[in-house]
Amino acid sequence: MVVGGARLAGEVRVTGAKNSVLKLMAASLLAEGTTTLTAVPDILDVAIMSEVLRRLGCTVERGEGTVTITVPAVLGHEADYDLVRRMRASIAVLGPLVARCGEARVALPGGDAIGSRGLDFHIAGLTKLGATVETVRGNLHVTASRLVGTHVWLDFPSVGATENLLMAGVLAQGTTTVDNAAREPEIVDLCEFLLQMGAQIEGIGTSTLVVEGVERLAPVPTHDTVTDRIVAGTYATAAVMTQGDVLVRGGQARHLEIALDKLVQAGATIDLEEGGFRVRMDRRPKAVDVVTLPYPGFPTDLQPMVLAMNAVAEGTAMVTENVFEARWMFVNELTRLGAEVRTDGHHAVVRGRQRLSGAPVTAHDIRAGAALVLAGLVADGTTEVHEVHHVDRGYQDFLPSLVALGADVRRETVPDVPF
C-alpha cells in the first residue's frame, strides 16, 4: 500500500547483487569443500537457490549477509521442477554439474514473465563442448564423459549462456573461447570468483573470454559479492521521480554510467561520494529517450523504472526494449495509474503527466513490481501493488528502506477472494 506525495531524502544501503550471488552459489559446486560468500542479500531467490544446492547434497548455512556452502565429494545431479520453476537462475547449475559430475538433469525453468528467453544458446554451447543434450519429460538431460574445449560464438551476448559456458569450460579439456560473451559486472564477478578457485580465464570484462581448462578447482574461503547496480539504479530513479535527495551507499556509479547519465539528462544532479553516489532533484524531471541493450548499454532491468519516471516527466519520450519482448506487460498496469503510454512492437511512447492516480495494480515480475511502487510514490491517493512476492525475490528490505527515506508505504495481507 503506497500513499503518494512523499519526497525521498536520506541514505540507503545497497548490498550484493542478486544476479551475481545466485551464479556464485552455483559455481561453488565446481569444487569439493567449503566456500563462503559475503555481501549476500537477504532475498527470496537466495533462499530458493540454497534449497536447490541442498537437494544436490550440499550443506548451506545462511548468516547475516553471508552464505556458507559445503560441497560433498559426490554430488547429486538433478534440480527439481518445484524449485526451478520459481526461479530461472536455477539453470546456472547446469554447467557446473555437467563439468563436475558428467551429467545434469535440470527442469526447464520458470521465473519472471518478461519473455521467452529460450535456452538455445546454453544447449548449443554445451553441445559444442561435447555434451549430449536431450529434453525428457520437461527436463534438460545433459551428459558428457569429458567436456572438450572449443570455440563458441553467441548470436546474442546472453548472460546466462555466458555463465554456463564459463562454468563448464573451466574443467573442460583444452581451451574454450566464448565470443560475443556478455560483459556485465556480474560476469566479471563470476570470473574473479572462478580465478580464486584456480581457473584460468583471460579477457575478463571483454566480449571474448578464453578459458584454459584445469583438472580440479578449490573452494574459496571468502568472496565479497559485487554490489547490486539494479537496486542502486532503482533508488536513484526514485529520488528523481520524487524530487528528492538520496545518498546510495554501496552503489557503484561506474556500473551505471548510461543509466545515471539519463537521470542527469532528466535534470538530476549526481555527485560521487566515498562508497557510493548522491542523487538530487529539485523539479519535475524532463522526459528522456531510452534504448535497452546488453551491458554497457542501458539495462533492461531498469527499463520499467525509467518508463515510470517518464510517465510523470515534462514532455514525451520513446522507450525501446531490445532484450525482453514481454516487458510491456508492465505498461498495462502503469496505465491503470493514469499513465499515457502507447506501445508498438519494441517501442513505447510515453507522454508525461503532472501526477498519476492511485489504483490497484499487479506486479508480474521483480522489476515491474519495484517500478509500480515508485509510480505509487508520485500518484494521488493510495496505490495497491499486489503479488509483491516478486519484489521480495530481488530487493532486500525494500519497504523499510523506502520508509526510512520518508515514504508512506506499508504491507498488508489480502485474503483470498473466492470466485
Protein backbone atom coordinates (compact mmCIF):
# COMPACT_ATOMS: atom_id res chain seq x y z
CA MET A 1 0.00 0.00 0.00
CA VAL A 2 1.75 3.15 -1.25
CA VAL A 3 0.50 6.62 -0.33
CA GLY A 4 1.72 9.16 -2.87
CA GLY A 5 3.25 12.56 -2.26
CA ALA A 6 6.39 11.83 -0.23
CA ARG A 7 9.78 13.30 -1.12
CA LEU A 8 12.54 10.74 -0.58
CA ALA A 9 15.56 12.01 1.34
CA GLY A 10 18.35 10.36 3.32
CA GLU A 11 20.62 7.35 2.88
CA VAL A 12 20.01 3.85 1.59
CA ARG A 13 22.49 0.99 1.52
CA VAL A 14 22.82 -1.41 -1.40
CA THR A 15 24.07 -4.93 -0.74
CA GLY A 16 25.35 -7.66 -3.08
CA ALA A 17 23.79 -8.28 -6.48
CA LYS A 18 21.07 -10.88 -6.85
CA ASN A 19 22.22 -11.54 -10.41
CA SER A 20 25.72 -12.33 -9.16
CA VAL A 21 25.28 -14.20 -5.89
CA LEU A 22 22.97 -16.83 -7.38
CA LYS A 23 25.60 -17.70 -10.01
CA LEU A 24 28.40 -17.68 -7.43
CA MET A 25 26.39 -20.17 -5.37
CA ALA A 26 26.06 -22.38 -8.45
CA ALA A 27 29.78 -22.06 -9.21
CA SER A 28 30.65 -23.34 -5.73
CA LEU A 29 29.54 -26.78 -7.00
CA LEU A 30 32.72 -26.96 -9.07
CA ALA A 31 34.91 -27.83 -6.07
CA GLU A 32 34.60 -30.09 -3.06
CA GLY A 33 34.88 -28.22 0.24
CA THR A 34 33.55 -25.08 1.92
CA THR A 35 33.03 -21.70 0.25
CA THR A 36 31.74 -18.55 1.96
CA LEU A 37 30.11 -15.66 0.12
CA THR A 38 29.68 -12.25 1.77
CA ALA A 39 27.54 -9.17 1.00
CA VAL A 40 24.73 -11.62 0.23
CA PRO A 41 21.27 -10.02 0.03
CA ASP A 42 18.54 -11.43 2.24
CA ILE A 43 16.08 -12.12 -0.58
CA LEU A 44 13.78 -14.95 -1.58
CA ASP A 45 15.86 -16.06 -4.57
CA VAL A 46 18.86 -16.76 -2.33
CA ALA A 47 16.64 -18.98 -0.17
CA ILE A 48 15.44 -20.85 -3.28
CA MET A 49 18.98 -21.36 -4.61
CA SER A 50 20.07 -22.54 -1.15
CA GLU A 51 17.43 -25.25 -1.30
CA VAL A 52 18.47 -26.22 -4.86
CA LEU A 53 22.02 -26.79 -3.58
CA ARG A 54 20.83 -28.71 -0.51
CA ARG A 55 18.92 -31.14 -2.72
CA LEU A 56 22.12 -31.69 -4.70
CA GLY A 57 23.78 -32.82 -1.46
CA CYS A 58 25.38 -29.60 -0.22
CA THR A 59 25.18 -28.14 3.26
CA VAL A 60 24.11 -24.49 3.09
CA GLU A 61 24.17 -22.15 6.09
CA ARG A 62 22.92 -18.58 5.88
CA GLY A 63 24.06 -15.86 8.25
CA GLU A 64 23.65 -12.09 8.28
CA GLY A 65 24.90 -11.16 4.83
CA THR A 66 26.68 -14.48 4.32
CA VAL A 67 26.13 -17.88 2.74
CA THR A 68 28.44 -20.79 3.55
CA ILE A 69 28.26 -23.75 1.17
CA THR A 70 29.91 -27.11 1.85
CA VAL A 71 30.07 -29.20 -1.30
CA PRO A 72 30.46 -33.01 -0.94
CA ALA A 73 32.79 -35.25 -2.92
CA VAL A 74 29.80 -36.90 -4.59
CA LEU A 75 27.08 -34.57 -5.83
CA GLY A 76 23.55 -35.23 -6.91
CA HIS A 77 22.80 -34.11 -10.46
CA GLU A 78 19.06 -33.36 -10.51
CA ALA A 79 17.46 -29.95 -9.92
CA ASP A 80 13.76 -30.42 -9.26
CA TYR A 81 10.93 -28.63 -11.05
CA ASP A 82 9.23 -27.41 -7.87
CA LEU A 83 12.23 -25.11 -7.23
CA VAL A 84 13.45 -24.37 -10.75
CA ARG A 85 10.00 -23.19 -11.84
CA ARG A 86 10.18 -20.45 -9.20
CA MET A 87 13.49 -19.01 -10.32
CA ARG A 88 15.05 -19.06 -13.75
CA ALA A 89 18.57 -18.56 -12.34
CA SER A 90 18.43 -22.21 -11.21
CA ILE A 91 19.57 -23.11 -14.73
CA ALA A 92 23.02 -21.85 -13.65
CA VAL A 93 23.68 -25.23 -12.01
CA LEU A 94 23.66 -26.88 -15.45
CA GLY A 95 27.25 -26.03 -16.44
CA PRO A 96 28.84 -26.86 -13.07
CA LEU A 97 27.01 -30.19 -12.75
CA VAL A 98 27.98 -31.35 -16.24
CA ALA A 99 31.60 -30.30 -15.67
CA ARG A 100 31.83 -31.89 -12.22
CA CYS A 101 29.56 -34.95 -12.50
CA GLY A 102 29.41 -35.60 -16.23
CA GLU A 103 25.63 -35.43 -16.00
CA ALA A 104 22.89 -32.97 -15.14
CA ARG A 105 19.12 -33.21 -15.15
CA VAL A 106 17.58 -29.78 -14.68
CA ALA A 107 13.92 -28.91 -15.05
CA LEU A 108 13.10 -26.35 -17.71
CA PRO A 109 12.95 -23.12 -15.70
CA GLY A 110 10.25 -20.63 -14.84
CA GLY A 111 10.75 -17.22 -13.23
CA ASP A 112 9.65 -13.80 -14.39
CA ALA A 113 7.00 -13.32 -17.06
CA ILE A 114 9.10 -10.99 -19.22
CA GLY A 115 9.73 -13.01 -22.36
CA SER A 116 10.66 -16.34 -23.87
CA ARG A 117 14.39 -16.30 -23.09
CA GLY A 118 14.94 -19.74 -24.62
CA LEU A 119 17.86 -21.94 -23.64
CA ASP A 120 19.07 -22.40 -27.22
CA PHE A 121 22.41 -20.66 -26.55
CA HIS A 122 23.06 -22.80 -23.46
CA ILE A 123 22.25 -26.02 -25.33
CA ALA A 124 24.21 -25.15 -28.48
CA GLY A 125 27.27 -24.15 -26.45
CA LEU A 126 27.29 -27.26 -24.28
CA THR A 127 26.80 -29.41 -27.36
CA LYS A 128 29.87 -27.82 -28.97
CA LEU A 129 31.79 -28.67 -25.79
CA GLY A 130 30.93 -32.32 -26.39
CA ALA A 131 27.82 -32.77 -24.28
CA THR A 132 24.71 -34.66 -25.35
CA VAL A 133 21.52 -32.73 -24.60
CA GLU A 134 18.03 -34.22 -24.52
CA THR A 135 14.68 -32.94 -23.33
CA VAL A 136 12.94 -35.66 -21.35
CA ARG A 137 9.58 -35.08 -19.65
CA GLY A 138 10.16 -31.38 -19.06
CA ASN A 139 13.80 -31.79 -18.04
CA LEU A 140 17.06 -30.96 -19.78
CA HIS A 141 19.20 -34.08 -19.51
CA VAL A 142 22.84 -33.29 -20.31
CA THR A 143 25.61 -35.90 -20.31
CA ALA A 144 29.32 -35.76 -21.14
CA SER A 145 32.08 -38.24 -20.34
CA ARG A 146 34.51 -35.32 -20.62
CA LEU A 147 33.90 -31.82 -21.93
CA VAL A 148 36.41 -30.69 -24.56
CA GLY A 149 37.30 -27.06 -25.15
CA THR A 150 36.11 -25.43 -28.34
CA HIS A 151 35.21 -22.08 -29.89
CA VAL A 152 31.67 -20.86 -29.21
CA TRP A 153 30.12 -17.82 -30.87
CA LEU A 154 26.99 -16.48 -29.16
CA ASP A 155 24.49 -14.90 -31.58
CA PHE A 156 23.41 -12.68 -28.68
CA PRO A 157 25.52 -11.82 -25.60
CA SER A 158 23.34 -13.89 -23.27
CA VAL A 159 24.31 -13.52 -19.62
CA GLY A 160 23.03 -16.95 -18.62
CA ALA A 161 24.67 -18.77 -21.53
CA THR A 162 27.98 -16.98 -20.94
CA GLU A 163 27.90 -18.03 -17.29
CA ASN A 164 27.05 -21.67 -18.01
CA LEU A 165 29.73 -21.96 -20.69
CA LEU A 166 32.30 -20.37 -18.38
CA MET A 167 31.49 -22.78 -15.57
CA ALA A 168 31.56 -25.75 -17.94
CA GLY A 169 34.76 -24.63 -19.64
CA VAL A 170 36.89 -24.23 -16.51
CA LEU A 171 37.02 -28.03 -16.06
CA ALA A 172 36.96 -28.94 -19.76
CA GLN A 173 39.94 -30.44 -21.53
CA GLY A 174 41.81 -27.79 -23.52
CA THR A 175 40.83 -24.23 -24.41
CA THR A 176 37.31 -22.83 -24.60
CA THR A 177 36.78 -19.48 -26.32
CA VAL A 178 33.46 -17.67 -25.92
CA ASP A 179 32.98 -14.89 -28.48
CA ASN A 180 30.31 -12.20 -28.17
CA ALA A 181 30.22 -13.01 -24.46
CA ALA A 182 28.19 -10.91 -22.03
CA ARG A 183 30.24 -8.23 -20.23
CA GLU A 184 28.02 -7.38 -17.25
CA PRO A 185 29.71 -6.61 -13.90
CA GLU A 186 28.12 -9.81 -12.60
CA ILE A 187 30.02 -11.79 -15.27
CA VAL A 188 33.25 -10.12 -14.16
CA ASP A 189 32.42 -11.04 -10.54
CA LEU A 190 31.89 -14.68 -11.54
CA CYS A 191 35.19 -14.71 -13.44
CA GLU A 192 37.05 -13.31 -10.43
CA PHE A 193 35.43 -15.94 -8.22
CA LEU A 194 36.48 -18.71 -10.62
CA LEU A 195 40.03 -17.33 -10.66
CA GLN A 196 40.06 -17.63 -6.86
CA MET A 197 39.04 -21.27 -7.31
CA GLY A 198 42.06 -21.83 -9.55
CA ALA A 199 40.53 -21.35 -13.00
CA GLN A 200 42.48 -19.84 -15.88
CA ILE A 201 40.49 -17.14 -17.70
CA GLU A 202 41.65 -14.34 -20.00
CA GLY A 203 39.70 -11.45 -21.48
CA ILE A 204 37.66 -10.72 -18.35
CA GLY A 205 35.40 -7.72 -18.94
CA THR A 206 35.64 -8.04 -22.74
CA SER A 207 33.43 -9.76 -25.31
CA THR A 208 35.95 -12.58 -25.82
CA LEU A 209 36.64 -14.94 -22.94
CA VAL A 210 39.39 -17.53 -23.22
CA VAL A 211 39.25 -20.36 -20.67
CA GLU A 212 42.06 -22.87 -20.25
CA GLY A 213 40.62 -25.95 -18.58
CA VAL A 214 42.20 -27.29 -15.39
CA GLU A 215 42.00 -30.70 -13.71
CA ARG A 216 40.43 -29.52 -10.47
CA LEU A 217 39.36 -26.42 -8.60
CA ALA A 218 39.43 -25.46 -4.93
CA PRO A 219 36.75 -23.86 -2.73
CA VAL A 220 37.01 -20.15 -1.91
CA PRO A 221 37.39 -19.22 1.78
CA THR A 222 35.61 -15.89 1.25
CA HIS A 223 34.37 -13.83 -1.67
CA ASP A 224 32.62 -10.45 -1.48
CA THR A 225 29.71 -10.23 -3.92
CA VAL A 226 29.65 -7.22 -6.27
CA THR A 227 27.01 -4.68 -5.25
CA ASP A 228 23.64 -4.63 -6.99
CA ARG A 229 23.61 -2.00 -9.74
CA ILE A 230 19.90 -2.55 -10.47
CA VAL A 231 18.87 -1.93 -6.86
CA ALA A 232 21.13 1.14 -6.81
CA GLY A 233 19.55 2.38 -10.03
CA THR A 234 16.07 1.81 -8.62
CA TYR A 235 16.69 4.07 -5.64
CA ALA A 236 18.41 6.66 -7.86
CA THR A 237 15.35 6.79 -10.12
CA ALA A 238 13.06 7.00 -7.09
CA ALA A 239 14.99 10.07 -5.90
CA VAL A 240 14.49 11.75 -9.29
CA MET A 241 10.79 10.89 -9.52
CA THR A 242 10.04 12.25 -6.03
CA GLN A 243 12.28 15.31 -6.45
CA GLY A 244 14.34 14.02 -3.56
CA ASP A 245 17.90 13.82 -2.24
CA VAL A 246 19.21 10.30 -1.71
CA LEU A 247 22.70 9.00 -0.95
CA VAL A 248 23.05 5.48 -2.37
CA ARG A 249 25.67 3.77 -0.19
CA GLY A 250 27.40 0.88 -1.93
CA GLY A 251 26.21 1.98 -5.36
CA GLN A 252 28.97 1.83 -7.99
CA ALA A 253 28.42 4.63 -10.49
CA ARG A 254 30.88 3.08 -12.96
CA HIS A 255 28.45 0.16 -13.39
CA LEU A 256 25.58 2.57 -14.15
CA GLU A 257 27.17 5.17 -16.41
CA ILE A 258 24.45 5.29 -19.08
CA ALA A 259 21.58 4.95 -16.60
CA LEU A 260 22.89 7.77 -14.40
CA ASP A 261 23.57 9.92 -17.47
CA LYS A 262 19.88 9.55 -18.37
CA LEU A 263 18.94 10.81 -14.92
CA VAL A 264 21.24 13.81 -15.41
CA GLN A 265 19.53 14.48 -18.75
CA ALA A 266 16.24 14.39 -16.83
CA GLY A 267 17.57 17.21 -14.64
CA ALA A 268 19.19 15.45 -11.68
CA THR A 269 22.47 16.33 -10.03
CA ILE A 270 24.63 13.29 -9.28
CA ASP A 271 27.75 13.51 -7.14
CA LEU A 272 30.22 10.72 -6.47
CA GLU A 273 30.72 10.12 -2.76
CA GLU A 274 33.07 7.83 -0.89
CA GLY A 275 31.43 4.43 -1.06
CA GLY A 276 28.52 5.48 -3.26
CA PHE A 277 26.80 8.35 -5.05
CA ARG A 278 24.23 11.05 -4.25
CA VAL A 279 21.20 11.89 -6.40
CA ARG A 280 19.46 15.26 -6.03
CA MET A 281 16.45 16.61 -7.90
CA ASP A 282 14.60 19.86 -7.26
CA ARG A 283 11.99 19.91 -10.04
CA ARG A 284 9.83 17.77 -12.26
CA PRO A 285 12.04 15.55 -14.45
CA LYS A 286 12.34 16.02 -18.20
CA ALA A 287 11.36 13.12 -20.45
CA VAL A 288 14.32 11.07 -21.74
CA ASP A 289 14.52 8.56 -24.58
CA VAL A 290 15.97 5.16 -23.63
CA VAL A 291 17.10 2.13 -25.64
CA THR A 292 17.85 -1.05 -23.68
CA LEU A 293 20.92 -3.02 -24.77
CA PRO A 294 23.29 -5.58 -23.27
CA TYR A 295 25.92 -4.12 -20.95
CA PRO A 296 27.35 -1.49 -21.11
CA GLY A 297 24.08 -0.30 -22.65
CA PHE A 298 21.03 0.80 -20.67
CA PRO A 299 19.93 -2.18 -18.50
CA THR A 300 16.64 -3.83 -19.39
CA ASP A 301 16.09 -4.36 -15.63
CA LEU A 302 15.88 -0.56 -15.16
CA GLN A 303 13.55 -0.01 -18.11
CA PRO A 304 10.33 -0.20 -16.01
CA MET A 305 11.73 2.42 -13.63
CA VAL A 306 12.61 4.92 -16.37
CA LEU A 307 9.24 4.25 -18.01
CA ALA A 308 7.55 5.16 -14.72
CA MET A 309 9.74 8.28 -14.45
CA ASN A 310 8.79 9.35 -17.98
CA ALA A 311 5.13 8.90 -17.07
CA VAL A 312 5.41 11.93 -14.75
CA ALA A 313 8.03 13.87 -16.71
CA GLU A 314 7.77 17.04 -18.81
CA GLY A 315 7.41 16.13 -22.46
CA THR A 316 7.25 12.92 -24.47
CA ALA A 317 9.81 10.12 -24.62
CA MET A 318 10.33 6.91 -26.56
CA VAL A 319 11.48 3.80 -24.70
CA THR A 320 12.79 0.95 -26.85
CA GLU A 321 13.09 -2.58 -25.42
CA ASN A 322 15.60 -4.79 -27.26
CA VAL A 323 16.21 -7.54 -24.69
CA PHE A 324 12.94 -8.95 -23.28
CA GLU A 325 9.92 -8.71 -25.53
CA ALA A 326 7.29 -9.13 -22.80
CA ARG A 327 8.42 -6.24 -20.60
CA TRP A 328 5.40 -4.33 -21.92
CA MET A 329 3.10 -6.33 -19.64
CA PHE A 330 4.11 -3.69 -17.10
CA VAL A 331 2.61 -0.94 -19.29
CA ASN A 332 -0.92 -2.27 -18.79
CA GLU A 333 -0.53 -1.83 -15.03
CA LEU A 334 1.09 1.60 -15.32
CA THR A 335 -1.80 2.87 -17.44
CA ARG A 336 -4.17 1.86 -14.64
CA LEU A 337 -2.45 4.61 -12.65
CA GLY A 338 -3.24 7.12 -15.38
CA ALA A 339 -0.01 6.95 -17.37
CA GLU A 340 -0.28 7.78 -21.05
CA VAL A 341 1.71 5.08 -22.88
CA ARG A 342 1.35 3.64 -26.38
CA THR A 343 3.31 0.57 -27.46
CA ASP A 344 4.20 -0.59 -30.94
CA GLY A 345 6.46 -3.61 -31.24
CA HIS A 346 9.70 -2.87 -29.40
CA HIS A 347 8.77 0.76 -28.77
CA ALA A 348 6.71 2.61 -26.16
CA VAL A 349 5.85 6.30 -26.46
CA VAL A 350 5.28 7.92 -23.07
CA ARG A 351 3.60 11.31 -22.68
CA GLY A 352 4.31 12.67 -19.22
CA ARG A 353 1.62 13.80 -16.80
CA GLN A 354 1.87 16.05 -13.78
CA ARG A 355 0.83 13.24 -11.46
CA LEU A 356 -0.57 9.74 -11.58
CA SER A 357 -3.65 8.46 -9.74
CA GLY A 358 -3.60 5.64 -7.19
CA ALA A 359 -5.26 2.35 -8.15
CA PRO A 360 -4.87 -1.41 -7.59
CA VAL A 361 -2.11 -2.88 -9.79
CA THR A 362 -0.35 -6.24 -10.07
CA ALA A 363 3.38 -6.99 -10.26
CA HIS A 364 4.21 -9.60 -12.91
CA ASP A 365 7.96 -9.65 -12.27
CA ILE A 366 10.61 -8.30 -9.90
CA ARG A 367 11.40 -5.03 -11.68
CA ALA A 368 7.82 -4.25 -12.66
CA GLY A 369 6.84 -4.64 -9.02
CA ALA A 370 9.51 -2.20 -7.86
CA ALA A 371 8.60 0.28 -10.61
CA LEU A 372 4.91 0.16 -9.67
CA VAL A 373 5.86 1.05 -6.09
CA LEU A 374 7.86 4.02 -7.42
CA ALA A 375 4.89 5.06 -9.55
CA GLY A 376 2.72 4.88 -6.44
CA LEU A 377 5.04 7.35 -4.72
CA VAL A 378 4.09 10.00 -7.30
CA ALA A 379 0.39 9.14 -7.55
CA ASP A 380 -2.51 10.86 -5.82
CA GLY A 381 -4.10 8.72 -3.14
CA THR A 382 -3.17 5.12 -2.39
CA THR A 383 -1.77 2.57 -4.81
CA GLU A 384 -2.18 -1.11 -4.01
CA VAL A 385 0.59 -3.25 -5.51
CA HIS A 386 -0.40 -6.91 -5.49
CA GLU A 387 1.80 -10.02 -5.89
CA VAL A 388 4.69 -8.29 -4.12
CA HIS A 389 6.42 -11.63 -3.54
CA HIS A 390 8.10 -10.84 -6.86
CA VAL A 391 9.74 -7.77 -5.28
CA ASP A 392 10.92 -9.92 -2.36
CA ARG A 393 12.87 -12.02 -4.87
CA GLY A 394 15.14 -9.13 -5.80
CA TYR A 395 15.13 -6.39 -3.13
CA GLN A 396 16.30 -6.72 0.45
CA ASP A 397 14.29 -4.62 2.91
CA PHE A 398 12.64 -2.65 0.11
CA LEU A 399 9.73 -1.40 2.23
CA PRO A 400 11.72 -0.40 5.35
CA SER A 401 14.32 1.28 3.15
CA LEU A 402 11.66 3.41 1.47
CA VAL A 403 10.07 4.20 4.83
CA ALA A 404 13.47 5.31 6.17
CA LEU A 405 13.69 7.69 3.20
CA GLY A 406 10.32 9.21 4.09
CA ALA A 407 7.86 7.17 2.02
CA ASP A 408 4.42 6.26 3.33
CA VAL A 409 4.40 2.56 2.47
CA ARG A 410 3.00 -0.39 4.38
CA ARG A 411 2.43 -4.06 3.74
CA GLU A 412 -0.91 -5.81 4.15
CA THR A 413 -2.00 -9.40 3.69
CA VAL A 414 -5.02 -9.59 1.43
CA PRO A 415 -7.31 -12.58 1.97
CA ASP A 416 -8.02 -14.83 -0.98
CA VAL A 417 -11.28 -13.92 -2.68
CA PRO A 418 -13.36 -16.97 -3.76
CA PHE A 419 -14.87 -16.91 -7.23
